[in-house]
N, C-alpha and C. Protein backbone atom coordinates (compact mmCIF):
# COMPACT_ATOMS: atom_id res chain seq x y z
N MET A 1 59.15 240.55 138.20
CA MET A 1 59.26 239.14 138.75
C MET A 1 60.48 238.40 138.53
N GLN A 2 61.09 238.49 137.26
CA GLN A 2 62.36 237.85 136.98
C GLN A 2 63.48 238.45 137.79
N GLN A 3 63.50 239.81 137.90
CA GLN A 3 64.44 240.46 138.44
C GLN A 3 64.54 240.16 140.01
N ALA A 4 63.45 240.02 140.73
CA ALA A 4 63.41 239.61 142.11
C ALA A 4 63.94 238.10 142.25
N LEU A 5 63.56 237.29 141.53
CA LEU A 5 64.05 235.92 141.51
C LEU A 5 65.50 235.80 141.12
N ARG A 6 66.00 236.73 140.07
CA ARG A 6 67.34 236.68 139.72
C ARG A 6 68.09 237.14 141.32
N ALA A 7 67.61 238.17 141.80
CA ALA A 7 68.31 238.83 143.00
C ALA A 7 68.45 237.68 144.35
N LEU A 8 67.26 236.92 144.20
CA LEU A 8 67.27 236.12 145.29
C LEU A 8 68.20 234.78 144.89
N VAL A 9 68.49 234.40 143.83
CA VAL A 9 69.54 233.36 143.44
C VAL A 9 70.89 233.78 143.64
N ILE A 10 71.23 235.18 143.41
CA ILE A 10 72.37 235.89 143.56
C ILE A 10 72.52 235.91 145.02
N VAL A 11 71.80 236.23 145.92
CA VAL A 11 71.95 236.36 147.36
C VAL A 11 72.04 235.05 148.06
N MET A 12 71.37 234.01 147.46
CA MET A 12 71.63 232.69 148.23
C MET A 12 72.89 232.08 147.69
N GLY A 13 73.31 232.26 146.52
CA GLY A 13 74.62 231.89 145.98
C GLY A 13 75.86 232.49 147.04
N LEU A 14 75.73 233.73 147.12
CA LEU A 14 76.53 234.55 148.04
C LEU A 14 76.70 234.00 149.35
N ALA A 15 75.31 233.61 150.01
CA ALA A 15 75.40 232.96 151.31
C ALA A 15 75.93 231.53 151.38
N LEU A 16 75.74 230.92 150.27
CA LEU A 16 76.34 229.66 150.25
C LEU A 16 78.00 229.65 150.28
N VAL A 17 78.39 230.63 149.24
CA VAL A 17 79.87 230.96 149.12
C VAL A 17 80.42 231.36 150.56
N ALA A 18 79.73 232.27 151.36
CA ALA A 18 80.24 232.81 152.62
C ALA A 18 80.27 231.65 153.45
N GLY A 19 79.37 230.74 153.52
CA GLY A 19 79.29 229.82 154.37
C GLY A 19 80.30 228.65 154.23
N PHE A 20 80.36 228.23 153.06
CA PHE A 20 81.66 227.34 152.86
C PHE A 20 82.98 228.07 153.07
N GLY A 21 83.05 229.39 152.85
CA GLY A 21 84.34 229.96 153.36
C GLY A 21 84.41 230.01 154.78
N GLY A 22 83.38 230.22 155.50
CA GLY A 22 83.51 230.07 157.02
C GLY A 22 83.93 228.73 157.66
N LEU A 23 83.45 227.76 156.86
CA LEU A 23 83.61 226.38 157.27
C LEU A 23 85.16 226.06 156.90
N ALA A 24 85.68 226.59 155.70
CA ALA A 24 86.96 226.19 155.47
C ALA A 24 87.92 226.90 156.42
N VAL A 25 87.62 228.25 156.84
CA VAL A 25 88.45 228.91 157.86
C VAL A 25 88.37 228.16 159.24
N GLY A 26 87.15 227.63 159.72
CA GLY A 26 87.11 226.99 161.01
C GLY A 26 87.97 225.70 160.93
N LEU A 27 87.89 224.90 159.76
CA LEU A 27 88.67 223.74 159.71
C LEU A 27 90.14 224.06 159.67
N TYR A 28 90.41 225.02 159.13
CA TYR A 28 91.92 225.49 159.25
C TYR A 28 92.30 225.69 160.41
N GLN A 29 91.51 226.59 161.14
CA GLN A 29 92.05 227.01 162.56
C GLN A 29 91.97 225.66 163.49
N LYS A 30 91.17 224.87 163.34
CA LYS A 30 91.17 223.68 164.22
C LYS A 30 92.37 222.75 163.81
N ALA A 31 92.72 222.70 162.63
CA ALA A 31 93.60 221.90 162.13
C ALA A 31 95.14 222.24 162.57
N THR A 32 95.30 223.67 162.54
CA THR A 32 96.46 224.24 162.87
C THR A 32 96.53 224.71 164.32
N ARG A 33 95.68 224.47 165.20
CA ARG A 33 95.53 224.83 166.65
C ARG A 33 96.79 224.12 167.44
N GLY A 34 97.40 223.01 166.97
CA GLY A 34 98.33 222.25 167.79
C GLY A 34 97.80 221.08 168.30
N GLY A 35 96.73 220.70 168.24
CA GLY A 35 96.01 219.41 168.38
C GLY A 35 96.08 219.07 169.89
N ALA A 36 96.02 220.17 170.91
CA ALA A 36 96.10 219.80 172.32
C ALA A 36 94.52 219.61 172.61
N PRO A 37 94.23 218.49 173.28
CA PRO A 37 92.69 218.12 173.63
C PRO A 37 92.45 219.35 174.71
N VAL A 38 91.11 219.72 174.66
CA VAL A 38 90.78 220.58 175.43
C VAL A 38 89.80 219.81 176.53
N GLU A 39 90.32 220.21 177.80
CA GLU A 39 89.52 219.29 178.90
C GLU A 39 88.49 220.15 179.32
N SER A 40 87.44 219.43 179.72
CA SER A 40 86.18 220.08 180.25
C SER A 40 86.59 220.55 181.82
N PRO A 41 86.11 221.76 182.19
CA PRO A 41 86.31 222.41 183.50
C PRO A 41 86.00 221.56 184.61
N GLY A 42 85.03 220.60 184.50
CA GLY A 42 84.69 219.73 185.77
C GLY A 42 85.52 218.47 185.70
N ALA A 43 86.56 218.22 184.81
CA ALA A 43 87.12 216.90 184.83
C ALA A 43 88.49 217.20 185.14
N ALA A 44 88.58 216.84 186.73
CA ALA A 44 90.04 216.89 187.41
C ALA A 44 90.67 215.65 187.25
N ALA A 45 91.97 215.79 187.38
CA ALA A 45 92.81 214.60 187.31
C ALA A 45 92.59 213.93 188.63
N PRO A 46 92.50 212.56 188.47
CA PRO A 46 92.43 211.60 189.80
C PRO A 46 93.36 211.67 190.64
N ALA A 47 93.37 211.86 191.82
CA ALA A 47 94.60 211.74 192.72
C ALA A 47 95.02 210.35 192.83
N GLU A 48 96.41 210.39 192.90
CA GLU A 48 97.29 209.20 193.01
C GLU A 48 96.95 208.59 194.36
N PHE A 49 96.80 207.32 194.47
CA PHE A 49 96.53 206.87 195.88
C PHE A 49 97.30 205.70 196.27
N GLY A 50 98.37 205.16 195.36
CA GLY A 50 99.06 204.09 195.50
C GLY A 50 98.57 202.77 195.27
N THR A 51 99.01 201.86 196.08
CA THR A 51 98.57 200.42 195.97
C THR A 51 97.52 200.18 196.97
N VAL A 52 96.30 199.60 196.57
CA VAL A 52 95.25 199.38 197.36
C VAL A 52 95.16 197.91 197.76
N ARG A 53 95.19 197.42 198.95
CA ARG A 53 95.04 196.00 199.32
C ARG A 53 93.75 195.62 199.67
N LEU A 54 92.86 194.84 199.26
CA LEU A 54 91.70 194.49 199.55
C LEU A 54 91.46 193.42 200.70
N GLY A 55 92.45 192.58 200.82
CA GLY A 55 92.59 191.75 201.96
C GLY A 55 91.60 190.65 202.01
N GLU A 56 91.22 190.07 200.75
CA GLU A 56 90.15 189.32 200.51
C GLU A 56 90.59 187.84 200.69
N GLY A 57 91.98 187.63 201.05
CA GLY A 57 92.32 186.14 201.11
C GLY A 57 92.76 185.66 199.90
N PRO A 58 93.65 184.25 199.91
CA PRO A 58 94.24 183.90 198.81
C PRO A 58 93.20 183.16 197.87
N GLU A 59 92.02 182.77 198.17
CA GLU A 59 91.14 182.00 197.49
C GLU A 59 90.45 183.06 196.64
N ALA A 60 90.38 184.21 197.09
CA ALA A 60 89.44 185.08 196.21
C ALA A 60 89.99 185.16 194.87
N ARG A 61 88.90 185.29 193.87
CA ARG A 61 89.46 185.61 192.39
C ARG A 61 88.47 186.73 191.88
N VAL A 62 89.05 187.70 191.14
CA VAL A 62 88.19 188.53 190.53
C VAL A 62 87.33 187.93 189.28
N VAL A 63 85.98 188.09 189.58
CA VAL A 63 85.12 187.69 188.48
C VAL A 63 84.78 188.81 187.21
N GLU A 64 84.78 189.87 188.12
CA GLU A 64 84.23 191.05 186.99
C GLU A 64 84.54 192.38 187.70
N THR A 65 84.82 193.28 186.99
CA THR A 65 85.18 194.65 187.41
C THR A 65 84.00 195.68 186.45
N VAL A 66 83.53 196.73 187.10
CA VAL A 66 82.68 197.62 186.41
C VAL A 66 82.96 199.14 187.00
N ALA A 67 83.25 200.14 186.59
CA ALA A 67 83.74 201.47 186.82
C ALA A 67 82.33 202.27 186.29
N ALA A 68 81.77 203.22 187.46
CA ALA A 68 80.69 203.89 187.15
C ALA A 68 80.54 204.85 188.27
N GLU A 69 80.34 206.28 187.86
CA GLU A 69 80.03 207.21 188.86
C GLU A 69 81.09 207.41 189.85
N GLY A 70 82.41 207.32 189.46
CA GLY A 70 83.42 207.42 190.33
C GLY A 70 83.65 206.32 191.38
N ARG A 71 83.05 205.05 190.89
CA ARG A 71 83.27 203.98 191.81
C ARG A 71 83.77 202.79 191.02
N LEU A 72 84.34 201.93 191.74
CA LEU A 72 84.85 200.74 191.01
C LEU A 72 84.17 199.51 191.75
N PHE A 73 83.45 198.88 191.06
CA PHE A 73 82.71 197.74 191.65
C PHE A 73 83.63 196.25 191.16
N ILE A 74 84.07 195.60 192.17
CA ILE A 74 84.88 194.44 191.78
C ILE A 74 84.01 193.17 192.48
N ARG A 75 83.66 192.35 191.72
CA ARG A 75 83.02 191.23 191.96
C ARG A 75 83.73 190.04 192.18
N LEU A 76 83.87 189.37 193.33
CA LEU A 76 84.85 188.52 193.65
C LEU A 76 84.21 187.13 194.03
N SER A 77 85.05 186.11 193.95
CA SER A 77 84.33 184.66 194.27
C SER A 77 85.51 183.80 194.85
N ASP A 78 85.15 182.76 195.59
CA ASP A 78 86.05 182.04 196.26
C ASP A 78 85.83 180.57 195.91
N SER A 79 86.62 179.66 196.41
CA SER A 79 86.35 178.20 196.12
C SER A 79 85.14 177.55 196.62
N ASP A 80 84.39 177.99 197.37
CA ASP A 80 83.38 177.74 198.12
C ASP A 80 82.19 178.22 197.55
N TRP A 81 82.41 178.94 196.37
CA TRP A 81 81.31 179.44 195.41
C TRP A 81 80.46 180.67 196.21
N ARG A 82 81.20 181.36 197.20
CA ARG A 82 80.72 182.65 197.76
C ARG A 82 80.93 183.66 196.82
N GLU A 83 80.13 184.55 196.74
CA GLU A 83 80.45 185.83 195.84
C GLU A 83 80.12 186.96 196.67
N TRP A 84 80.90 188.02 196.26
CA TRP A 84 80.83 189.43 197.16
C TRP A 84 81.45 190.53 196.24
N ILE A 85 80.94 191.73 196.54
CA ILE A 85 81.35 192.80 195.68
C ILE A 85 82.04 193.80 196.61
N VAL A 86 83.21 194.30 196.23
CA VAL A 86 83.87 195.35 196.93
C VAL A 86 83.79 196.52 196.07
N VAL A 87 83.33 197.62 196.90
CA VAL A 87 83.05 199.09 196.22
C VAL A 87 84.27 199.88 196.48
N LEU A 88 84.98 200.43 195.50
CA LEU A 88 86.24 201.29 195.79
C LEU A 88 85.88 202.83 195.35
N ASP A 89 86.18 203.69 195.74
CA ASP A 89 86.18 205.10 195.55
C ASP A 89 87.33 205.40 194.40
N LEU A 90 87.10 205.81 193.36
CA LEU A 90 88.29 205.79 192.40
C LEU A 90 89.04 207.22 192.72
N GLY A 91 88.60 208.03 193.44
CA GLY A 91 89.13 209.31 193.63
C GLY A 91 90.20 209.06 194.72
N SER A 92 89.94 208.40 195.72
CA SER A 92 90.70 208.17 196.96
C SER A 92 91.29 206.80 196.85
N GLY A 93 90.76 205.82 196.34
CA GLY A 93 91.29 204.38 196.47
C GLY A 93 90.81 203.78 197.64
N ARG A 94 89.95 204.35 198.36
CA ARG A 94 89.38 203.88 199.67
C ARG A 94 88.27 202.74 199.33
N VAL A 95 88.30 201.60 200.14
CA VAL A 95 87.25 200.70 200.08
C VAL A 95 86.21 201.30 200.77
N LEU A 96 84.99 201.38 200.05
CA LEU A 96 83.69 202.13 200.55
C LEU A 96 82.83 200.90 201.27
N GLY A 97 82.83 199.87 200.92
CA GLY A 97 82.30 198.60 201.47
C GLY A 97 82.10 197.41 200.79
N ARG A 98 81.49 196.36 201.29
CA ARG A 98 81.43 195.01 200.72
C ARG A 98 79.92 194.64 200.73
N ILE A 99 79.54 194.17 199.74
CA ILE A 99 78.10 193.58 199.34
C ILE A 99 78.34 192.11 199.26
N GLU A 100 77.74 191.24 200.13
CA GLU A 100 77.66 189.78 200.12
C GLU A 100 76.47 189.36 199.20
N VAL A 101 77.04 188.48 198.19
CA VAL A 101 75.97 188.03 197.41
C VAL A 101 75.70 186.54 197.69
N GLN A 102 74.46 186.40 197.94
CA GLN A 102 73.88 185.02 198.59
C GLN A 102 72.86 184.42 197.52
N ALA A 103 72.95 183.27 197.15
CA ALA A 103 71.91 182.72 196.31
C ALA A 103 70.82 182.20 197.10
N GLU A 104 69.54 182.19 196.58
CA GLU A 104 68.24 181.88 197.16
C GLU A 104 68.35 180.42 197.33
N ARG A 105 67.70 179.88 198.29
CA ARG A 105 67.78 178.38 198.70
C ARG A 105 66.25 177.92 198.66
């Protein structure tokens, strides 16, 4: 019984040493790889689209912007307290549409 226990302790000790050795090798390889970030295959660089003019008029001011799922949502307001949201496609810069926000009366 003692011999089996002694053998188990030795095997587990060797497994720990091998595990720590593998971890050290992995960390060393990662540190000496050059530090270049790895891009995911589905992450393509966005196309440049230049200047996008919304044409909302001089009274319009940006209240909030939110980017989600390849779209940019720009919430605008004017001096008459009207609010609307302009939706842009981030890939092309094209205006997809406008959503008018009206307060309930």
